[in-house]
Amino acid sequence: MTLDPDSLDFEKGHGLIPVVVQDHATLQVLTLAYMDRAALDETIQSGEATFFSRSRGGRWRKGETSGNRLKVVSITPDCDADALVLTVRPLGPACHLGTTSCFGDADAPGLGTLARLETTIAARAQADPAESWTARLLAEGPKRVAQKVGEEGVETALAGAAGPDEELTAEAADLVYHLLVLLRARGLAFEDVLAVLRARAR
């Protein structure tokens, strides 16, 4: 975190700046909070999100009571230096109601679903192979997972050539799942694929 707190305009908000908190992996907006200078300094020093609670009238480190802390990945100011985006790795639900986000109870939307699936695959890697298909695939090694990717790729191609839309989307879902498992088996993540795509786009 290389943010210079002195560059921010706290005065515009009477000592507070709004902070949009976003899941680093899924990009889902988790909550909107506020920071004063002391809360920002503590956030930078501790690496965990600390806010100023307007209802309590003081600092508040997220997760002090619940344990659902927010590990900070990056802090980015807006163009006017009077608001921040905080990307975090949440350790549990961000909302006090027990939901992932304070903005409704839906999980990560859009492509964030892939990041959530990766998280699930990582968790299942520790499961009993007798009880989890994902754990079983990972236990059998990359060659077996690669074989499944090949099978699912053929089935997706056949569905795309002659099958109904429902079949194509179902086979494509199977393909994406097995591809993420293969990346996991090789110690890679979908972010590594996205990095290649970004480089190609340039």
N, C-alpha and C. Protein backbone atom coordinates (compact mmCIF):
# COMPACT_ATOMS: atom_id res chain seq x y z
N MET A 1 0.84 -1.19 0.00
CA MET A 1 0.00 0.00 0.00
C MET A 1 0.88 1.24 0.00
N THR A 2 0.90 1.95 -1.10
CA THR A 2 1.79 3.10 -1.24
C THR A 2 1.03 4.42 -1.16
N LEU A 3 -0.22 4.39 -0.72
CA LEU A 3 -1.04 5.59 -0.65
C LEU A 3 -0.43 6.59 0.34
N ASP A 4 -0.39 7.86 -0.04
CA ASP A 4 0.04 8.93 0.85
C ASP A 4 -1.21 9.57 1.46
N PRO A 5 -1.49 9.35 2.75
CA PRO A 5 -2.69 9.92 3.36
C PRO A 5 -2.76 11.43 3.27
N ASP A 6 -1.59 12.09 3.22
CA ASP A 6 -1.59 13.55 3.13
C ASP A 6 -2.16 14.06 1.81
N SER A 7 -2.26 13.18 0.83
CA SER A 7 -2.77 13.60 -0.48
C SER A 7 -4.30 13.60 -0.53
N LEU A 8 -4.94 13.09 0.52
CA LEU A 8 -6.40 12.98 0.52
C LEU A 8 -7.07 14.21 1.11
N ASP A 9 -8.28 14.47 0.64
CA ASP A 9 -9.05 15.63 1.08
C ASP A 9 -10.10 15.18 2.10
N PHE A 10 -9.73 15.20 3.38
CA PHE A 10 -10.67 14.85 4.44
C PHE A 10 -11.61 16.00 4.77
N GLU A 11 -11.18 17.21 4.44
CA GLU A 11 -11.96 18.39 4.84
C GLU A 11 -13.31 18.46 4.13
N LYS A 12 -13.35 18.02 2.88
CA LYS A 12 -14.59 18.10 2.12
C LYS A 12 -15.72 17.35 2.82
N GLY A 13 -15.40 16.24 3.48
CA GLY A 13 -16.40 15.44 4.18
C GLY A 13 -16.37 15.67 5.68
N HIS A 14 -15.89 16.86 6.09
CA HIS A 14 -15.84 17.22 7.52
C HIS A 14 -15.06 16.18 8.34
N GLY A 15 -13.92 15.78 7.78
CA GLY A 15 -13.03 14.86 8.48
C GLY A 15 -13.19 13.41 8.10
N LEU A 16 -14.18 13.09 7.27
CA LEU A 16 -14.42 11.72 6.86
C LEU A 16 -14.39 11.59 5.35
N ILE A 17 -13.94 10.43 4.87
CA ILE A 17 -14.03 10.13 3.44
C ILE A 17 -14.76 8.80 3.28
N PRO A 18 -15.63 8.71 2.26
CA PRO A 18 -16.32 7.44 2.01
C PRO A 18 -15.37 6.41 1.41
N VAL A 19 -15.61 5.14 1.78
CA VAL A 19 -14.75 4.05 1.34
C VAL A 19 -15.62 2.93 0.77
N VAL A 20 -15.46 2.66 -0.51
CA VAL A 20 -16.13 1.53 -1.13
C VAL A 20 -15.24 0.30 -0.92
N VAL A 21 -15.79 -0.73 -0.29
CA VAL A 21 -15.02 -1.94 0.02
C VAL A 21 -15.41 -3.03 -0.97
N GLN A 22 -14.41 -3.57 -1.64
CA GLN A 22 -14.63 -4.49 -2.76
C GLN A 22 -13.81 -5.76 -2.55
N ASP A 23 -14.42 -6.91 -2.81
CA ASP A 23 -13.71 -8.19 -2.74
C ASP A 23 -12.64 -8.23 -3.82
N HIS A 24 -11.40 -8.46 -3.45
CA HIS A 24 -10.30 -8.45 -4.40
C HIS A 24 -10.45 -9.52 -5.48
N ALA A 25 -10.98 -10.68 -5.09
CA ALA A 25 -11.08 -11.79 -6.04
C ALA A 25 -12.29 -11.66 -6.96
N THR A 26 -13.46 -11.36 -6.38
CA THR A 26 -14.70 -11.38 -7.16
C THR A 26 -15.11 -10.01 -7.68
N LEU A 27 -14.50 -8.95 -7.13
CA LEU A 27 -14.84 -7.55 -7.44
C LEU A 27 -16.24 -7.17 -6.95
N GLN A 28 -16.86 -8.03 -6.13
CA GLN A 28 -18.17 -7.70 -5.56
C GLN A 28 -18.02 -6.57 -4.55
N VAL A 29 -18.93 -5.59 -4.61
CA VAL A 29 -18.94 -4.52 -3.62
C VAL A 29 -19.51 -5.09 -2.32
N LEU A 30 -18.73 -5.00 -1.26
CA LEU A 30 -19.11 -5.61 0.02
C LEU A 30 -19.83 -4.64 0.94
N THR A 31 -19.35 -3.41 1.01
CA THR A 31 -19.97 -2.43 1.89
C THR A 31 -19.49 -1.03 1.54
N LEU A 32 -20.15 -0.03 2.11
CA LEU A 32 -19.70 1.36 2.04
C LEU A 32 -19.47 1.81 3.47
N ALA A 33 -18.28 2.31 3.76
CA ALA A 33 -17.95 2.74 5.11
C ALA A 33 -17.26 4.11 5.03
N TYR A 34 -16.79 4.57 6.18
CA TYR A 34 -16.11 5.87 6.24
C TYR A 34 -14.83 5.74 7.04
N MET A 35 -13.86 6.58 6.70
CA MET A 35 -12.61 6.64 7.45
C MET A 35 -12.29 8.08 7.79
N ASP A 36 -11.76 8.28 8.99
CA ASP A 36 -11.07 9.52 9.27
C ASP A 36 -9.58 9.24 9.11
N ARG A 37 -8.76 10.23 9.36
CA ARG A 37 -7.32 10.05 9.13
C ARG A 37 -6.75 8.95 10.04
N ALA A 38 -7.20 8.90 11.28
CA ALA A 38 -6.68 7.90 12.21
C ALA A 38 -7.05 6.49 11.76
N ALA A 39 -8.27 6.30 11.27
CA ALA A 39 -8.69 4.98 10.80
C ALA A 39 -7.89 4.56 9.57
N LEU A 40 -7.62 5.51 8.70
CA LEU A 40 -6.81 5.19 7.52
C LEU A 40 -5.40 4.81 7.92
N ASP A 41 -4.81 5.57 8.84
CA ASP A 41 -3.46 5.26 9.30
C ASP A 41 -3.41 3.86 9.91
N GLU A 42 -4.42 3.51 10.72
CA GLU A 42 -4.45 2.18 11.33
C GLU A 42 -4.62 1.09 10.28
N THR A 43 -5.43 1.37 9.27
CA THR A 43 -5.62 0.41 8.19
C THR A 43 -4.31 0.13 7.47
N ILE A 44 -3.58 1.18 7.17
CA ILE A 44 -2.29 1.03 6.48
C ILE A 44 -1.30 0.28 7.34
N GLN A 45 -1.26 0.58 8.63
CA GLN A 45 -0.28 -0.03 9.53
C GLN A 45 -0.61 -1.49 9.82
N SER A 46 -1.89 -1.80 9.99
CA SER A 46 -2.29 -3.14 10.40
C SER A 46 -2.53 -4.08 9.22
N GLY A 47 -2.88 -3.52 8.06
CA GLY A 47 -3.24 -4.36 6.92
C GLY A 47 -4.65 -4.89 7.00
N GLU A 48 -5.42 -4.41 7.99
CA GLU A 48 -6.82 -4.80 8.14
C GLU A 48 -7.69 -3.54 8.13
N ALA A 49 -8.88 -3.67 7.51
CA ALA A 49 -9.74 -2.51 7.34
C ALA A 49 -10.23 -2.00 8.70
N THR A 50 -9.98 -0.73 8.93
CA THR A 50 -10.46 -0.03 10.12
C THR A 50 -11.23 1.19 9.66
N PHE A 51 -12.39 1.41 10.23
CA PHE A 51 -13.27 2.49 9.79
C PHE A 51 -13.59 3.43 10.94
N PHE A 52 -14.24 4.53 10.60
CA PHE A 52 -14.83 5.42 11.60
C PHE A 52 -16.33 5.17 11.59
N SER A 53 -16.85 4.74 12.72
CA SER A 53 -18.29 4.47 12.84
C SER A 53 -19.01 5.75 13.22
N ARG A 54 -19.89 6.20 12.33
CA ARG A 54 -20.64 7.42 12.62
C ARG A 54 -21.63 7.21 13.75
N SER A 55 -22.17 6.00 13.88
CA SER A 55 -23.13 5.73 14.95
C SER A 55 -22.44 5.60 16.31
N ARG A 56 -21.23 5.04 16.31
CA ARG A 56 -20.49 4.89 17.57
C ARG A 56 -19.63 6.10 17.89
N GLY A 57 -19.37 6.88 16.86
CA GLY A 57 -18.56 8.07 17.07
C GLY A 57 -17.08 7.79 17.29
N GLY A 58 -16.57 6.70 16.72
CA GLY A 58 -15.16 6.39 16.90
C GLY A 58 -14.69 5.30 15.96
N ARG A 59 -13.42 4.94 16.10
CA ARG A 59 -12.82 3.95 15.21
C ARG A 59 -13.43 2.58 15.46
N TRP A 60 -13.33 1.76 14.42
CA TRP A 60 -13.93 0.43 14.47
C TRP A 60 -13.21 -0.45 13.48
N ARG A 61 -12.46 -1.43 14.00
CA ARG A 61 -11.80 -2.38 13.10
C ARG A 61 -12.78 -3.50 12.78
N LYS A 62 -13.05 -3.68 11.50
CA LYS A 62 -14.00 -4.69 11.06
C LYS A 62 -13.58 -6.07 11.57
N GLY A 63 -14.51 -6.76 12.23
CA GLY A 63 -14.25 -8.11 12.69
C GLY A 63 -13.77 -8.21 14.12
N GLU A 64 -13.67 -7.08 14.83
CA GLU A 64 -13.21 -7.12 16.22
C GLU A 64 -14.09 -8.03 17.07
N THR A 65 -15.39 -8.01 16.81
CA THR A 65 -16.32 -8.83 17.59
C THR A 65 -16.61 -10.15 16.88
N SER A 66 -16.91 -10.06 15.58
CA SER A 66 -17.35 -11.25 14.83
C SER A 66 -16.20 -12.13 14.35
N GLY A 67 -15.02 -11.55 14.21
CA GLY A 67 -13.89 -12.28 13.63
C GLY A 67 -13.86 -12.21 12.11
N ASN A 68 -14.88 -11.58 11.52
CA ASN A 68 -14.96 -11.48 10.05
C ASN A 68 -14.16 -10.28 9.57
N ARG A 69 -12.86 -10.42 9.61
CA ARG A 69 -11.98 -9.30 9.28
C ARG A 69 -11.84 -9.12 7.77
N LEU A 70 -11.32 -7.98 7.40
CA LEU A 70 -11.08 -7.65 5.99
C LEU A 70 -9.60 -7.36 5.81
N LYS A 71 -8.89 -8.30 5.16
CA LYS A 71 -7.47 -8.13 4.90
C LYS A 71 -7.29 -7.25 3.66
N VAL A 72 -6.59 -6.15 3.81
CA VAL A 72 -6.49 -5.16 2.74
C VAL A 72 -5.47 -5.59 1.69
N VAL A 73 -5.88 -5.50 0.44
CA VAL A 73 -4.98 -5.78 -0.69
C VAL A 73 -4.50 -4.48 -1.31
N SER A 74 -5.41 -3.53 -1.53
CA SER A 74 -5.03 -2.26 -2.13
C SER A 74 -5.96 -1.15 -1.67
N ILE A 75 -5.44 0.07 -1.72
CA ILE A 75 -6.22 1.27 -1.40
C ILE A 75 -6.02 2.24 -2.55
N THR A 76 -7.12 2.64 -3.19
CA THR A 76 -7.03 3.50 -4.37
C THR A 76 -7.93 4.72 -4.20
N PRO A 77 -7.37 5.92 -4.29
CA PRO A 77 -8.21 7.13 -4.22
C PRO A 77 -8.88 7.42 -5.55
N ASP A 78 -9.98 8.17 -5.49
CA ASP A 78 -10.61 8.60 -6.74
C ASP A 78 -9.90 9.84 -7.27
N CYS A 79 -10.37 10.36 -8.38
CA CYS A 79 -9.68 11.45 -9.07
C CYS A 79 -9.67 12.75 -8.27
N ASP A 80 -10.62 12.92 -7.35
CA ASP A 80 -10.66 14.13 -6.53
C ASP A 80 -9.99 13.93 -5.17
N ALA A 81 -9.48 12.73 -4.93
CA ALA A 81 -8.80 12.41 -3.67
C ALA A 81 -9.69 12.61 -2.45
N ASP A 82 -11.01 12.37 -2.64
CA ASP A 82 -11.92 12.52 -1.50
C ASP A 82 -12.78 11.27 -1.29
N ALA A 83 -12.39 10.16 -1.90
CA ALA A 83 -13.06 8.87 -1.70
C ALA A 83 -12.04 7.78 -2.02
N LEU A 84 -12.28 6.58 -1.45
CA LEU A 84 -11.35 5.47 -1.63
C LEU A 84 -12.08 4.21 -2.07
N VAL A 85 -11.36 3.38 -2.81
CA VAL A 85 -11.78 2.00 -3.03
C VAL A 85 -10.77 1.13 -2.30
N LEU A 86 -11.30 0.28 -1.42
CA LEU A 86 -10.49 -0.64 -0.65
C LEU A 86 -10.76 -2.04 -1.18
N THR A 87 -9.76 -2.70 -1.78
CA THR A 87 -9.95 -4.09 -2.17
C THR A 87 -9.42 -4.97 -1.06
N VAL A 88 -10.18 -6.00 -0.72
CA VAL A 88 -9.87 -6.80 0.46
C VAL A 88 -10.04 -8.28 0.19
N ARG A 89 -9.47 -9.08 1.07
CA ARG A 89 -9.76 -10.51 1.14
C ARG A 89 -10.59 -10.72 2.41
N PRO A 90 -11.89 -10.92 2.26
CA PRO A 90 -12.73 -11.04 3.45
C PRO A 90 -12.56 -12.39 4.15
N LEU A 91 -12.47 -12.34 5.46
CA LEU A 91 -12.43 -13.56 6.26
C LEU A 91 -13.81 -13.74 6.89
N GLY A 92 -14.75 -14.18 6.07
CA GLY A 92 -16.13 -14.32 6.52
C GLY A 92 -17.02 -13.27 5.89
N PRO A 93 -18.31 -13.29 6.23
CA PRO A 93 -19.27 -12.34 5.65
C PRO A 93 -18.89 -10.90 6.00
N ALA A 94 -19.11 -10.00 5.06
CA ALA A 94 -18.79 -8.59 5.31
C ALA A 94 -19.91 -7.89 6.06
N CYS A 95 -21.13 -8.37 5.92
CA CYS A 95 -22.29 -7.70 6.51
C CYS A 95 -22.59 -8.26 7.90
N HIS A 96 -23.05 -7.39 8.80
CA HIS A 96 -23.39 -7.85 10.15
C HIS A 96 -24.62 -8.76 10.15
N LEU A 97 -25.34 -8.80 9.04
CA LEU A 97 -26.49 -9.69 8.92
C LEU A 97 -26.08 -11.10 8.49
N GLY A 98 -24.79 -11.29 8.24
CA GLY A 98 -24.29 -12.60 7.87
C GLY A 98 -24.23 -12.86 6.39
N THR A 99 -24.48 -11.85 5.57
CA THR A 99 -24.42 -12.01 4.12
C THR A 99 -23.05 -11.58 3.60
N THR A 100 -22.72 -12.05 2.41
CA THR A 100 -21.44 -11.72 1.81
C THR A 100 -21.26 -10.22 1.65
N SER A 101 -22.33 -9.55 1.24
CA SER A 101 -22.31 -8.12 0.97
C SER A 101 -23.42 -7.42 1.75
N CYS A 102 -23.21 -6.15 2.06
CA CYS A 102 -24.27 -5.35 2.68
C CYS A 102 -25.33 -4.95 1.65
N PHE A 103 -25.03 -5.15 0.38
CA PHE A 103 -25.96 -4.77 -0.69
C PHE A 103 -26.71 -6.00 -1.19
N GLY A 104 -27.60 -6.53 -0.37
CA GLY A 104 -28.38 -7.69 -0.75
C GLY A 104 -27.67 -8.98 -0.38
N ASP A 105 -28.39 -10.09 -0.53
CA ASP A 105 -27.84 -11.37 -0.10
C ASP A 105 -27.33 -12.23 -1.26
N ALA A 106 -27.28 -11.65 -2.46
CA ALA A 106 -26.76 -12.39 -3.62
C ALA A 106 -25.24 -12.52 -3.51
N ASP A 107 -24.72 -13.61 -4.06
CA ASP A 107 -23.27 -13.80 -4.09
C ASP A 107 -22.68 -13.01 -5.25
N ALA A 108 -21.39 -13.18 -5.46
CA ALA A 108 -20.67 -12.42 -6.47
C ALA A 108 -21.35 -12.52 -7.83
N PRO A 109 -21.61 -11.38 -8.49
CA PRO A 109 -22.26 -11.40 -9.79
C PRO A 109 -21.27 -11.57 -10.94
N GLY A 110 -21.79 -11.88 -12.11
CA GLY A 110 -20.98 -11.91 -13.32
C GLY A 110 -19.77 -12.81 -13.22
N LEU A 111 -18.64 -12.30 -13.70
CA LEU A 111 -17.41 -13.09 -13.70
C LEU A 111 -16.88 -13.36 -12.30
N GLY A 112 -17.42 -12.62 -11.31
CA GLY A 112 -17.04 -12.91 -9.93
C GLY A 112 -17.40 -14.32 -9.53
N THR A 113 -18.38 -14.91 -10.22
CA THR A 113 -18.77 -16.29 -9.95
C THR A 113 -17.59 -17.24 -10.18
N LEU A 114 -16.74 -16.94 -11.16
CA LEU A 114 -15.57 -17.78 -11.41
C LEU A 114 -14.60 -17.74 -10.24
N ALA A 115 -14.40 -16.54 -9.69
CA ALA A 115 -13.51 -16.42 -8.54
C ALA A 115 -14.08 -17.16 -7.34
N ARG A 116 -15.40 -17.08 -7.16
CA ARG A 116 -16.02 -17.81 -6.05
C ARG A 116 -15.87 -19.33 -6.26
N LEU A 117 -16.00 -19.78 -7.51
CA LEU A 117 -15.82 -21.20 -7.80
C LEU A 117 -14.39 -21.63 -7.51
N GLU A 118 -13.43 -20.78 -7.85
CA GLU A 118 -12.03 -21.09 -7.54
C GLU A 118 -11.82 -21.25 -6.04
N THR A 119 -12.46 -20.39 -5.26
CA THR A 119 -12.37 -20.48 -3.80
C THR A 119 -12.93 -21.81 -3.31
N THR A 120 -14.06 -22.22 -3.90
CA THR A 120 -14.68 -23.49 -3.52
C THR A 120 -13.77 -24.66 -3.89
N ILE A 121 -13.16 -24.61 -5.07
CA ILE A 121 -12.25 -25.67 -5.51
C ILE A 121 -11.07 -25.77 -4.56
N ALA A 122 -10.53 -24.62 -4.15
CA ALA A 122 -9.40 -24.63 -3.21
C ALA A 122 -9.79 -25.27 -1.89
N ALA A 123 -11.01 -24.97 -1.42
CA ALA A 123 -11.48 -25.55 -0.16
C ALA A 123 -11.69 -27.05 -0.30
N ARG A 124 -12.26 -27.47 -1.42
CA ARG A 124 -12.53 -28.90 -1.62
C ARG A 124 -11.25 -29.71 -1.79
N ALA A 125 -10.16 -29.04 -2.13
CA ALA A 125 -8.89 -29.76 -2.27
C ALA A 125 -8.47 -30.43 -0.97
N GLN A 126 -8.98 -29.89 0.14
CA GLN A 126 -8.64 -30.45 1.44
C GLN A 126 -9.63 -31.52 1.89
N ALA A 127 -10.66 -31.79 1.10
CA ALA A 127 -11.71 -32.73 1.49
C ALA A 127 -11.28 -34.17 1.24
N ASP A 128 -12.09 -35.08 1.71
CA ASP A 128 -11.86 -36.51 1.51
C ASP A 128 -12.19 -36.86 0.05
N PRO A 129 -11.23 -37.41 -0.71
CA PRO A 129 -11.51 -37.77 -2.11
C PRO A 129 -12.69 -38.72 -2.28
N ALA A 130 -13.00 -39.48 -1.24
CA ALA A 130 -14.13 -40.40 -1.32
C ALA A 130 -15.46 -39.66 -1.26
N GLU A 131 -15.42 -38.40 -0.80
CA GLU A 131 -16.65 -37.64 -0.62
C GLU A 131 -16.75 -36.42 -1.54
N SER A 132 -15.67 -36.07 -2.22
CA SER A 132 -15.66 -34.88 -3.07
C SER A 132 -15.06 -35.20 -4.43
N TRP A 133 -15.82 -34.94 -5.50
CA TRP A 133 -15.33 -35.16 -6.86
C TRP A 133 -14.12 -34.28 -7.13
N THR A 134 -14.16 -33.05 -6.65
CA THR A 134 -13.04 -32.14 -6.86
C THR A 134 -11.78 -32.67 -6.19
N ALA A 135 -11.91 -33.10 -4.94
CA ALA A 135 -10.74 -33.64 -4.22
C ALA A 135 -10.21 -34.89 -4.91
N ARG A 136 -11.12 -35.69 -5.41
CA ARG A 136 -10.71 -36.92 -6.10
C ARG A 136 -9.92 -36.60 -7.37
N LEU A 137 -10.42 -35.64 -8.14
CA LEU A 137 -9.71 -35.25 -9.36
C LEU A 137 -8.32 -34.73 -9.04
N LEU A 138 -8.24 -33.85 -8.04
CA LEU A 138 -6.94 -33.28 -7.68
C LEU A 138 -5.99 -34.35 -7.16
N ALA A 139 -6.52 -35.32 -6.44
CA ALA A 139 -5.69 -36.41 -5.93
C ALA A 139 -5.14 -37.27 -7.06
N GLU A 140 -5.89 -37.39 -8.15
CA GLU A 140 -5.46 -38.22 -9.28
C GLU A 140 -4.42 -37.52 -10.15
N GLY A 141 -4.25 -36.22 -9.97
CA GLY A 141 -3.18 -35.49 -10.63
C GLY A 141 -3.58 -34.78 -11.91
N PRO A 142 -2.70 -33.89 -12.40
CA PRO A 142 -3.00 -33.05 -13.56
C PRO A 142 -3.35 -33.83 -14.83
N LYS A 143 -2.72 -34.98 -15.06
CA LYS A 143 -3.00 -35.72 -16.29
C LYS A 143 -4.46 -36.17 -16.34
N ARG A 144 -4.97 -36.64 -15.21
CA ARG A 144 -6.37 -37.08 -15.16
C ARG A 144 -7.30 -35.88 -15.34
N VAL A 145 -6.98 -34.76 -14.72
CA VAL A 145 -7.82 -33.57 -14.87
C VAL A 145 -7.77 -33.07 -16.31
N ALA A 146 -6.59 -33.10 -16.92
CA ALA A 146 -6.45 -32.68 -18.31
C ALA A 146 -7.29 -33.57 -19.24
N GLN A 147 -7.34 -34.85 -18.92
CA GLN A 147 -8.18 -35.77 -19.70
C GLN A 147 -9.65 -35.34 -19.63
N LYS A 148 -10.08 -34.96 -18.43
CA LYS A 148 -11.47 -34.52 -18.26
C LYS A 148 -11.72 -33.23 -19.03
N VAL A 149 -10.76 -32.33 -19.04
CA VAL A 149 -10.91 -31.08 -19.80
C VAL A 149 -11.08 -31.41 -21.28
N GLY A 150 -10.28 -32.37 -21.78
CA GLY A 150 -10.42 -32.78 -23.17
C GLY A 150 -11.78 -33.35 -23.47
N GLU A 151 -12.27 -34.22 -22.58
CA GLU A 151 -13.60 -34.82 -22.78
C GLU A 151 -14.69 -33.74 -22.79
N GLU A 152 -14.60 -32.83 -21.82
CA GLU A 152 -15.62 -31.79 -21.73
C GLU A 152 -15.53 -30.81 -22.90
N GLY A 153 -14.30 -30.60 -23.42
CA GLY A 153 -14.14 -29.74 -24.58
C GLY A 153 -14.83 -30.32 -25.81
N VAL A 154 -14.67 -31.63 -26.00
CA VAL A 154 -15.32 -32.30 -27.13
C VAL A 154 -16.84 -32.22 -26.98
N GLU A 155 -17.33 -32.50 -25.76
CA GLU A 155 -18.78 -32.46 -25.53
C GLU A 155 -19.33 -31.05 -25.74
N THR A 156 -18.57 -30.04 -25.34
CA THR A 156 -19.01 -28.66 -25.56
C THR A 156 -19.05 -28.34 -27.05
N ALA A 157 -18.04 -28.78 -27.78
CA ALA A 157 -18.01 -28.54 -29.22
C ALA A 157 -19.18 -29.21 -29.92
N LEU A 158 -19.48 -30.45 -29.55
CA LEU A 158 -20.60 -31.16 -30.16
C LEU A 158 -21.93 -30.47 -29.84
N ALA A 159 -22.08 -30.03 -28.59
CA ALA A 159 -23.30 -29.33 -28.22
C ALA A 159 -23.41 -28.00 -28.97
N GLY A 160 -22.28 -27.33 -29.17
CA GLY A 160 -22.29 -26.07 -29.90
C GLY A 160 -22.63 -26.24 -31.36
N ALA A 161 -22.24 -27.38 -31.92
CA ALA A 161 -22.49 -27.62 -33.34
C ALA A 161 -23.91 -28.06 -33.61
N ALA A 162 -24.50 -28.84 -32.71
CA ALA A 162 -25.80 -29.43 -33.05
C ALA A 162 -26.80 -29.49 -31.90
N GLY A 163 -26.41 -29.14 -30.70
CA GLY A 163 -27.30 -29.29 -29.55
C GLY A 163 -28.12 -28.05 -29.28
N PRO A 164 -29.13 -28.17 -28.43
CA PRO A 164 -29.92 -27.01 -28.01
C PRO A 164 -29.11 -26.11 -27.08
N ASP A 165 -29.59 -24.90 -26.88
CA ASP A 165 -28.87 -23.92 -26.06
C ASP A 165 -28.62 -24.45 -24.64
N GLU A 166 -29.59 -25.13 -24.07
CA GLU A 166 -29.45 -25.63 -22.70
C GLU A 166 -28.31 -26.63 -22.60
N GLU A 167 -28.15 -27.46 -23.62
CA GLU A 167 -27.07 -28.43 -23.61
C GLU A 167 -25.72 -27.74 -23.73
N LEU A 168 -25.64 -26.73 -24.60
CA LEU A 168 -24.39 -26.01 -24.78
C LEU A 168 -23.96 -25.32 -23.50
N THR A 169 -24.89 -24.62 -22.83
CA THR A 169 -24.52 -23.92 -21.60
C THR A 169 -24.12 -24.90 -20.49
N ALA A 170 -24.80 -26.04 -20.42
CA ALA A 170 -24.47 -27.04 -19.40
C ALA A 170 -23.08 -27.63 -19.65
N GLU A 171 -22.79 -27.95 -20.91
CA GLU A 171 -21.47 -28.51 -21.22
C GLU A 171 -20.37 -27.47 -21.04
N ALA A 172 -20.68 -26.23 -21.39
CA ALA A 172 -19.69 -25.15 -21.20
C ALA A 172 -19.39 -24.96 -19.71
N ALA A 173 -20.41 -25.08 -18.87
CA ALA A 173 -20.21 -24.97 -17.42
C ALA A 173 -19.29 -26.09 -16.93
N ASP A 174 -19.53 -27.32 -17.43
CA ASP A 174 -18.67 -28.45 -17.06
C ASP A 174 -17.23 -28.20 -17.49
N LEU A 175 -17.06 -27.64 -18.68
CA LEU A 175 -15.73 -27.36 -19.21
C LEU A 175 -15.01 -26.33 -18.34
N VAL A 176 -15.70 -25.25 -18.00
CA VAL A 176 -15.08 -24.20 -17.20
C VAL A 176 -14.68 -24.74 -15.83
N TYR A 177 -15.57 -25.51 -15.22
CA TYR A 177 -15.25 -26.10 -13.91
C TYR A 177 -13.98 -26.96 -13.99
N HIS A 178 -13.93 -27.86 -14.96
CA HIS A 178 -12.77 -28.75 -15.05
C HIS A 178 -11.49 -27.99 -15.42
N LEU A 179 -11.64 -26.92 -16.19
CA LEU A 179 -10.47 -26.10 -16.51
C LEU A 179 -9.92 -25.43 -15.24
N LEU A 180 -10.81 -24.93 -14.38
CA LEU A 180 -10.35 -24.32 -13.13
C LEU A 180 -9.69 -25.36 -12.23
N VAL A 181 -10.21 -26.57 -12.23
CA VAL A 181 -9.59 -27.63 -11.44
C VAL A 181 -8.20 -27.95 -12.00
N LEU A 182 -8.06 -27.98 -13.32
CA LEU A 182 -6.76 -28.24 -13.93
C LEU A 182 -5.75 -27.15 -13.56
N LEU A 183 -6.18 -25.90 -13.62
CA LEU A 183 -5.29 -24.81 -13.23
C LEU A 183 -4.84 -24.98 -11.79
N ARG A 184 -5.79 -25.33 -10.93
CA ARG A 184 -5.47 -25.56 -9.51
C ARG A 184 -4.46 -26.71 -9.37
N ALA A 185 -4.67 -27.78 -10.13
CA ALA A 185 -3.78 -28.93 -10.05
C ALA A 185 -2.36 -28.59 -10.48
N ARG A 186 -2.22 -27.58 -11.34
CA ARG A 186 -0.90 -27.14 -11.79
C ARG A 186 -0.36 -25.97 -10.98
N GLY A 187 -1.05 -25.60 -9.91
CA GLY A 187 -0.59 -24.49 -9.07
C GLY A 187 -0.84 -23.13 -9.69
N LEU A 188 -1.81 -23.04 -10.60
CA LEU A 188 -2.13 -21.78 -11.27
C LEU A 188 -3.54 -21.35 -10.89
N ALA A 189 -3.89 -20.14 -11.30
CA ALA A 189 -5.23 -19.60 -11.04
C ALA A 189 -5.75 -18.95 -12.31
N PHE A 190 -7.05 -18.70 -12.35
CA PHE A 190 -7.64 -18.07 -13.52
C PHE A 190 -7.05 -16.69 -13.76
N GLU A 191 -6.57 -16.04 -12.71
CA GLU A 191 -5.92 -14.74 -12.85
C GLU A 191 -4.70 -14.84 -13.76
N ASP A 192 -4.02 -15.98 -13.76
CA ASP A 192 -2.88 -16.16 -14.66
C ASP A 192 -3.31 -16.18 -16.12
N VAL A 193 -4.50 -16.73 -16.38
CA VAL A 193 -5.06 -16.72 -17.73
C VAL A 193 -5.44 -15.29 -18.11
N LEU A 194 -6.07 -14.58 -17.17
CA LEU A 194 -6.47 -13.20 -17.44
C LEU A 194 -5.25 -12.32 -17.73
N ALA A 195 -4.13 -12.59 -17.05
CA ALA A 195 -2.92 -11.81 -17.29
C ALA A 195 -2.44 -11.96 -18.73
N VAL A 196 -2.55 -13.17 -19.25
CA VAL A 196 -2.19 -13.42 -20.65
C VAL A 196 -3.12 -12.65 -21.59
N LEU A 197 -4.42 -12.69 -21.28
CA LEU A 197 -5.40 -11.98 -22.11
C LEU A 197 -5.16 -10.48 -22.09
N ARG A 198 -4.82 -9.95 -20.90
CA ARG A 198 -4.54 -8.50 -20.82
C ARG A 198 -3.31 -8.14 -21.63
N ALA A 199 -2.30 -8.99 -21.58
CA ALA A 199 -1.07 -8.73 -22.35
C ALA A 199 -1.37 -8.77 -23.85
N ARG A 200 -2.20 -9.71 -24.26
CA ARG A 200 -2.55 -9.79 -25.68
C ARG A 200 -3.37 -8.59 -26.12
N ALA A 201 -4.21 -8.08 -25.25
CA ALA A 201 -5.05 -6.94 -25.60
C ALA A 201 -4.21 -5.69 -25.85
N ARG A 202 -3.05 -5.62 -25.20
CA ARG A 202 -2.15 -4.47 -25.42
C ARG A 202 -1.42 -4.58 -26.74
